[in-house]
Amino acid sequence: FSLPLLYPFVRKNLKQIHLIDMLLMFFSGVF
């Protein structure tokens, strides 16, 4: 239920993320 509320704030920044940060966010989500 939080994802639709977060998406408008996130979508503009998605293309600017480096691979290492994507990996960190992946692991943060798993944790």
All heavy atoms as atom14 arrays in JSON, in Angstrom:
{
  "sequence": "FSLPLLYPFVRKNLKQIHLIDMLLMFFSGVF",
  "atom14_mask": [
    [1, 1, 1, 1, 1, 1, 1, 1, 1, 1, 1, 0, 0, 0],
    [1, 1, 1, 1, 1, 1, 0, 0, 0, 0, 0, 0, 0, 0],
    [1, 1, 1, 1, 1, 1, 1, 1, 0, 0, 0, 0, 0, 0],
    [1, 1, 1, 1, 1, 1, 1, 0, 0, 0, 0, 0, 0, 0],
    [1, 1, 1, 1, 1, 1, 1, 1, 0, 0, 0, 0, 0, 0],
    [1, 1, 1, 1, 1, 1, 1, 1, 0, 0, 0, 0, 0, 0],
    [1, 1, 1, 1, 1, 1, 1, 1, 1, 1, 1, 1, 0, 0],
    [1, 1, 1, 1, 1, 1, 1, 0, 0, 0, 0, 0, 0, 0],
    [1, 1, 1, 1, 1, 1, 1, 1, 1, 1, 1, 0, 0, 0],
    [1, 1, 1, 1, 1, 1, 1, 0, 0, 0, 0, 0, 0, 0],
    [1, 1, 1, 1, 1, 1, 1, 1, 1, 1, 1, 0, 0, 0],
    [1, 1, 1, 1, 1, 1, 1, 1, 1, 0, 0, 0, 0, 0],
    [1, 1, 1, 1, 1, 1, 1, 1, 0, 0, 0, 0, 0, 0],
    [1, 1, 1, 1, 1, 1, 1, 1, 0, 0, 0, 0, 0, 0],
    [1, 1, 1, 1, 1, 1, 1, 1, 1, 0, 0, 0, 0, 0],
    [1, 1, 1, 1, 1, 1, 1, 1, 1, 0, 0, 0, 0, 0],
    [1, 1, 1, 1, 1, 1, 1, 1, 0, 0, 0, 0, 0, 0],
    [1, 1, 1, 1, 1, 1, 1, 1, 1, 1, 0, 0, 0, 0],
    [1, 1, 1, 1, 1, 1, 1, 1, 0, 0, 0, 0, 0, 0],
    [1, 1, 1, 1, 1, 1, 1, 1, 0, 0, 0, 0, 0, 0],
    [1, 1, 1, 1, 1, 1, 1, 1, 0, 0, 0, 0, 0, 0],
    [1, 1, 1, 1, 1, 1, 1, 1, 0, 0, 0, 0, 0, 0],
    [1, 1, 1, 1, 1, 1, 1, 1, 0, 0, 0, 0, 0, 0],
    [1, 1, 1, 1, 1, 1, 1, 1, 0, 0, 0, 0, 0, 0],
    [1, 1, 1, 1, 1, 1, 1, 1, 0, 0, 0, 0, 0, 0],
    [1, 1, 1, 1, 1, 1, 1, 1, 1, 1, 1, 0, 0, 0],
    [1, 1, 1, 1, 1, 1, 1, 1, 1, 1, 1, 0, 0, 0],
    [1, 1, 1, 1, 1, 1, 0, 0, 0, 0, 0, 0, 0, 0],
    [1, 1, 1, 1, 0, 0, 0, 0, 0, 0, 0, 0, 0, 0],
    [1, 1, 1, 1, 1, 1, 1, 0, 0, 0, 0, 0, 0, 0],
    [1, 1, 1, 1, 1, 1, 1, 1, 1, 1, 1, 0, 0, 0]
  ],
  "atom14_positions": [
    [[0.81, -1.21, 0.0], [0.0, 0.0, 0.0], [0.85, 1.27, 0.0], [0.36, 2.35, -0.35], [-0.97, 0.01, 1.17], [-2.04, -1.05, 1.07], [-2.53, -1.67, 2.21], [-2.55, -1.45, -0.16], [-3.51, -2.65, 2.12], [-3.52, -2.42, -0.26], [-4.01, -3.02, 0.88], [0.0, 0.0, 0.0], [0.0, 0.0, 0.0], [0.0, 0.0, 0.0]],
    [[2.11, 1.15, 0.38], [2.97, 2.34, 0.38], [3.54, 2.64, -1.01], [3.85, 3.8, -1.3], [4.12, 2.17, 1.37], [5.04, 1.21, 0.91], [0.0, 0.0, 0.0], [0.0, 0.0, 0.0], [0.0, 0.0, 0.0], [0.0, 0.0, 0.0], [0.0, 0.0, 0.0], [0.0, 0.0, 0.0], [0.0, 0.0, 0.0], [0.0, 0.0, 0.0]],
    [[3.66, 1.63, -1.85], [4.31, 1.84, -3.15], [3.62, 2.86, -4.05], [4.29, 3.72, -4.62], [4.48, 0.5, -3.87], [5.59, -0.39, -3.3], [5.61, -1.74, -4.0], [6.94, 0.3, -3.4], [0.0, 0.0, 0.0], [0.0, 0.0, 0.0], [0.0, 0.0, 0.0], [0.0, 0.0, 0.0], [0.0, 0.0, 0.0], [0.0, 0.0, 0.0]],
    [[2.3, 2.81, -4.21], [1.68, 3.83, -5.07], [1.86, 5.26, -4.53], [1.92, 6.22, -5.29], [0.19, 3.47, -5.07], [0.13, 2.05, -4.64], [1.32, 1.81, -3.77], [0.0, 0.0, 0.0], [0.0, 0.0, 0.0], [0.0, 0.0, 0.0], [0.0, 0.0, 0.0], [0.0, 0.0, 0.0], [0.0, 0.0, 0.0], [0.0, 0.0, 0.0]],
    [[1.99, 5.38, -3.22], [2.21, 6.69, -2.62], [3.65, 7.17, -2.85], [3.9, 8.37, -2.97], [1.92, 6.65, -1.12], [0.48, 6.28, -0.74], [0.37, 6.09, 0.76], [-0.5, 7.31, -1.24], [0.0, 0.0, 0.0], [0.0, 0.0, 0.0], [0.0, 0.0, 0.0], [0.0, 0.0, 0.0], [0.0, 0.0, 0.0], [0.0, 0.0, 0.0]],
    [[4.59, 6.24, -2.94], [6.0, 6.59, -3.13], [6.35, 6.87, -4.58], [7.23, 7.67, -4.87], [6.89, 5.46, -2.6], [6.92, 5.26, -1.09], [7.62, 3.95, -0.74], [7.61, 6.42, -0.42], [0.0, 0.0, 0.0], [0.0, 0.0, 0.0], [0.0, 0.0, 0.0], [0.0, 0.0, 0.0], [0.0, 0.0, 0.0], [0.0, 0.0, 0.0]],
    [[5.69, 6.19, -5.5], [6.09, 6.25, -6.91], [6.19, 7.67, -7.48], [7.18, 7.98, -8.14], [5.15, 5.4, -7.77], [5.53, 5.44, -9.23], [6.67, 4.78, -9.68], [4.77, 6.17, -10.15], [7.03, 4.83, -11.02], [5.14, 6.23, -11.48], [6.27, 5.56, -11.91], [6.63, 5.63, -13.22], [0.0, 0.0, 0.0], [0.0, 0.0, 0.0]],
    [[5.22, 8.55, -7.27], [5.35, 9.9, -7.84], [6.61, 10.65, -7.38], [7.14, 11.47, -8.12], [4.09, 10.63, -7.36], [3.13, 9.57, -7.01], [3.94, 8.4, -6.57], [0.0, 0.0, 0.0], [0.0, 0.0, 0.0], [0.0, 0.0, 0.0], [0.0, 0.0, 0.0], [0.0, 0.0, 0.0], [0.0, 0.0, 0.0], [0.0, 0.0, 0.0]],
    [[7.09, 10.34, -6.2], [8.28, 11.02, -5.68], [9.57, 10.42, -6.22], [10.61, 11.04, -6.17], [8.29, 10.95, -4.15], [7.12, 11.64, -3.52], [6.07, 10.9, -2.99], [7.06, 13.02, -3.46], [4.98, 11.53, -2.41], [5.98, 13.66, -2.88], [4.93, 12.91, -2.35], [0.0, 0.0, 0.0], [0.0, 0.0, 0.0], [0.0, 0.0, 0.0]],
    [[9.5, 9.19, -6.71], [10.69, 8.44, -7.09], [10.95, 8.44, -8.59], [12.09, 8.46, -9.04], [10.56, 6.98, -6.59], [11.69, 6.12, -7.09], [10.48, 6.95, -5.08], [0.0, 0.0, 0.0], [0.0, 0.0, 0.0], [0.0, 0.0, 0.0], [0.0, 0.0, 0.0], [0.0, 0.0, 0.0], [0.0, 0.0, 0.0], [0.0, 0.0, 0.0]],
    [[9.92, 8.46, -9.38], [10.04, 8.18, -10.83], [11.02, 9.1, -11.56], [11.69, 8.67, -12.48], [8.67, 8.2, -11.5], [7.97, 9.52, -11.51], [6.57, 9.37, -12.15], [5.79, 10.53, -11.88], [5.69, 11.58, -12.68], [6.32, 11.57, -13.82], [4.97, 12.61, -12.34], [0.0, 0.0, 0.0], [0.0, 0.0, 0.0], [0.0, 0.0, 0.0]],
    [[11.14, 10.34, -11.15], [12.04, 11.27, -11.84], [13.52, 10.94, -11.61], [14.36, 11.27, -12.43], [11.78, 12.7, -11.38], [10.43, 13.22, -11.8], [10.21, 14.62, -11.29], [8.81, 15.09, -11.66], [8.5, 16.4, -11.11], [0.0, 0.0, 0.0], [0.0, 0.0, 0.0], [0.0, 0.0, 0.0], [0.0, 0.0, 0.0], [0.0, 0.0, 0.0]],
    [[13.83, 10.29, -10.51], [15.22, 10.02, -10.16], [15.72, 8.64, -10.59], [16.9, 8.34, -10.43], [15.4, 10.13, -8.63], [15.04, 11.5, -8.11], [13.89, 11.71, -7.74], [15.99, 12.4, -8.1], [0.0, 0.0, 0.0], [0.0, 0.0, 0.0], [0.0, 0.0, 0.0], [0.0, 0.0, 0.0], [0.0, 0.0, 0.0], [0.0, 0.0, 0.0]],
    [[14.86, 7.8, -11.12], [15.23, 6.41, -11.39], [16.36, 6.26, -12.4], [17.19, 5.36, -12.28], [14.01, 5.62, -11.87], [12.93, 5.4, -10.81], [11.74, 4.67, -11.41], [13.49, 4.63, -9.63], [0.0, 0.0, 0.0], [0.0, 0.0, 0.0], [0.0, 0.0, 0.0], [0.0, 0.0, 0.0], [0.0, 0.0, 0.0], [0.0, 0.0, 0.0]],
    [[16.43, 7.13, -13.4], [17.44, 7.0, -14.44], [18.82, 7.47, -14.0], [19.81, 7.22, -14.68], [17.01, 7.77, -15.69], [15.78, 7.19, -16.33], [15.34, 8.0, -17.53], [14.04, 7.42, -18.08], [13.49, 8.24, -19.15], [0.0, 0.0, 0.0], [0.0, 0.0, 0.0], [0.0, 0.0, 0.0], [0.0, 0.0, 0.0], [0.0, 0.0, 0.0]],
    [[18.91, 8.14, -12.87], [20.17, 8.74, -12.43], [20.93, 7.85, -11.43], [21.93, 8.27, -10.88], [19.89, 10.09, -11.77], [19.16, 11.04, -12.67], [18.59, 12.23, -11.89], [18.69, 12.29, -10.68], [18.0, 13.16, -12.61], [0.0, 0.0, 0.0], [0.0, 0.0, 0.0], [0.0, 0.0, 0.0], [0.0, 0.0, 0.0], [0.0, 0.0, 0.0]],
    [[20.47, 6.63, -11.21], [21.05, 5.79, -10.17], [22.13, 4.88, -10.76], [21.92, 4.23, -11.78], [19.95, 4.96, -9.48], [18.92, 5.91, -8.89], [20.55, 4.08, -8.41], [17.69, 5.24, -8.42], [0.0, 0.0, 0.0], [0.0, 0.0, 0.0], [0.0, 0.0, 0.0], [0.0, 0.0, 0.0], [0.0, 0.0, 0.0], [0.0, 0.0, 0.0]],
    [[23.27, 4.84, -10.1], [24.38, 4.0, -10.55], [24.16, 2.55, -10.1], [23.4, 2.28, -9.17], [25.69, 4.52, -9.98], [26.05, 5.87, -10.52], [25.67, 7.03, -9.9], [26.73, 6.23, -11.63], [26.1, 8.06, -10.59], [26.75, 7.61, -11.65], [0.0, 0.0, 0.0], [0.0, 0.0, 0.0], [0.0, 0.0, 0.0], [0.0, 0.0, 0.0]],
    [[24.86, 1.64, -10.74], [24.71, 0.21, -10.49], [25.01, -0.15, -9.03], [24.27, -0.91, -8.41], [25.61, -0.6, -11.43], [25.55, -2.11, -11.26], [24.14, -2.62, -11.54], [26.55, -2.79, -12.17], [0.0, 0.0, 0.0], [0.0, 0.0, 0.0], [0.0, 0.0, 0.0], [0.0, 0.0, 0.0], [0.0, 0.0, 0.0], [0.0, 0.0, 0.0]],
    [[26.06, 0.41, -8.46], [26.42, 0.08, -7.08], [25.31, 0.51, -6.12], [24.99, -0.2, -5.17], [27.79, 0.7, -6.67], [28.22, 0.18, -5.3], [27.73, 2.21, -6.65], [28.69, -1.22, -5.3], [0.0, 0.0, 0.0], [0.0, 0.0, 0.0], [0.0, 0.0, 0.0], [0.0, 0.0, 0.0], [0.0, 0.0, 0.0], [0.0, 0.0, 0.0]],
    [[24.69, 1.65, -6.4], [23.59, 2.1, -5.56], [22.35, 1.23, -5.74], [21.62, 0.97, -4.8], [23.27, 3.57, -5.84], [24.4, 4.48, -5.42], [25.05, 4.19, -4.39], [24.67, 5.47, -6.13], [0.0, 0.0, 0.0], [0.0, 0.0, 0.0], [0.0, 0.0, 0.0], [0.0, 0.0, 0.0], [0.0, 0.0, 0.0], [0.0, 0.0, 0.0]],
    [[22.14, 0.76, -6.96], [21.03, -0.18, -7.21], [21.24, -1.46, -6.4], [20.29, -1.98, -5.81], [20.92, -0.52, -8.69], [20.35, 0.59, -9.51], [18.61, 0.8, -9.15], [17.97, 0.77, -10.79], [0.0, 0.0, 0.0], [0.0, 0.0, 0.0], [0.0, 0.0, 0.0], [0.0, 0.0, 0.0], [0.0, 0.0, 0.0], [0.0, 0.0, 0.0]],
    [[22.48, -1.94, -6.36], [22.79, -3.14, -5.57], [22.56, -2.9, -4.09], [22.0, -3.74, -3.39], [24.22, -3.59, -5.82], [24.49, -4.29, -7.14], [25.98, -4.5, -7.36], [23.75, -5.62, -7.2], [0.0, 0.0, 0.0], [0.0, 0.0, 0.0], [0.0, 0.0, 0.0], [0.0, 0.0, 0.0], [0.0, 0.0, 0.0], [0.0, 0.0, 0.0]],
    [[23.0, -1.73, -3.61], [22.78, -1.41, -2.19], [21.29, -1.34, -1.86], [20.85, -1.83, -0.82], [23.46, -0.09, -1.83], [24.97, -0.14, -1.7], [25.54, 1.27, -1.57], [25.39, -0.99, -0.52], [0.0, 0.0, 0.0], [0.0, 0.0, 0.0], [0.0, 0.0, 0.0], [0.0, 0.0, 0.0], [0.0, 0.0, 0.0], [0.0, 0.0, 0.0]],
    [[20.51, -0.76, -2.77], [19.06, -0.67, -2.54], [18.41, -2.05, -2.65], [17.45, -2.34, -1.93], [18.43, 0.32, -3.49], [18.75, 1.75, -3.08], [18.02, 2.97, -4.16], [19.3, 3.08, -5.4], [0.0, 0.0, 0.0], [0.0, 0.0, 0.0], [0.0, 0.0, 0.0], [0.0, 0.0, 0.0], [0.0, 0.0, 0.0], [0.0, 0.0, 0.0]],
    [[18.94, -2.9, -3.53], [18.43, -4.26, -3.62], [18.64, -4.98, -2.29], [17.71, -5.57, -1.74], [19.12, -5.03, -4.76], [18.77, -6.49, -4.78], [17.57, -6.91, -5.34], [19.61, -7.43, -4.22], [17.22, -8.25, -5.34], [19.28, -8.78, -4.22], [18.08, -9.19, -4.79], [0.0, 0.0, 0.0], [0.0, 0.0, 0.0], [0.0, 0.0, 0.0]],
    [[19.88, -4.92, -1.77], [20.16, -5.59, -0.5], [19.4, -4.95, 0.66], [18.94, -5.65, 1.56], [21.66, -5.63, -0.22], [22.37, -6.66, -1.04], [23.25, -6.26, -2.03], [22.14, -8.01, -0.85], [23.9, -7.21, -2.81], [22.78, -8.96, -1.62], [23.66, -8.57, -2.61], [0.0, 0.0, 0.0], [0.0, 0.0, 0.0], [0.0, 0.0, 0.0]],
    [[19.24, -3.64, 0.62], [18.46, -2.99, 1.69], [17.02, -3.5, 1.67], [16.43, -3.73, 2.72], [18.5, -1.47, 1.57], [17.7, -1.0, 0.51], [0.0, 0.0, 0.0], [0.0, 0.0, 0.0], [0.0, 0.0, 0.0], [0.0, 0.0, 0.0], [0.0, 0.0, 0.0], [0.0, 0.0, 0.0], [0.0, 0.0, 0.0], [0.0, 0.0, 0.0]],
    [[16.46, -3.72, 0.47], [15.11, -4.26, 0.37], [15.01, -5.68, 0.89], [14.05, -6.05, 1.57], [0.0, 0.0, 0.0], [0.0, 0.0, 0.0], [0.0, 0.0, 0.0], [0.0, 0.0, 0.0], [0.0, 0.0, 0.0], [0.0, 0.0, 0.0], [0.0, 0.0, 0.0], [0.0, 0.0, 0.0], [0.0, 0.0, 0.0], [0.0, 0.0, 0.0]],
    [[16.02, -6.49, 0.58], [16.05, -7.87, 1.08], [16.15, -7.87, 2.6], [15.42, -8.6, 3.29], [17.22, -8.66, 0.45], [17.42, -10.01, 1.13], [17.01, -8.85, -1.05], [0.0, 0.0, 0.0], [0.0, 0.0, 0.0], [0.0, 0.0, 0.0], [0.0, 0.0, 0.0], [0.0, 0.0, 0.0], [0.0, 0.0, 0.0], [0.0, 0.0, 0.0]],
    [[17.03, -7.03, 3.14], [17.2, -6.96, 4.6], [15.92, -6.47, 5.28], [15.54, -6.97, 6.33], [18.38, -6.07, 4.98], [19.71, -6.61, 4.53], [20.69, -5.74, 4.08], [19.99, -7.96, 4.56], [21.93, -6.22, 3.67], [21.22, -8.46, 4.14], [22.2, -7.57, 3.69], [0.0, 0.0, 0.0], [0.0, 0.0, 0.0], [0.0, 0.0, 0.0]]
  ]
}
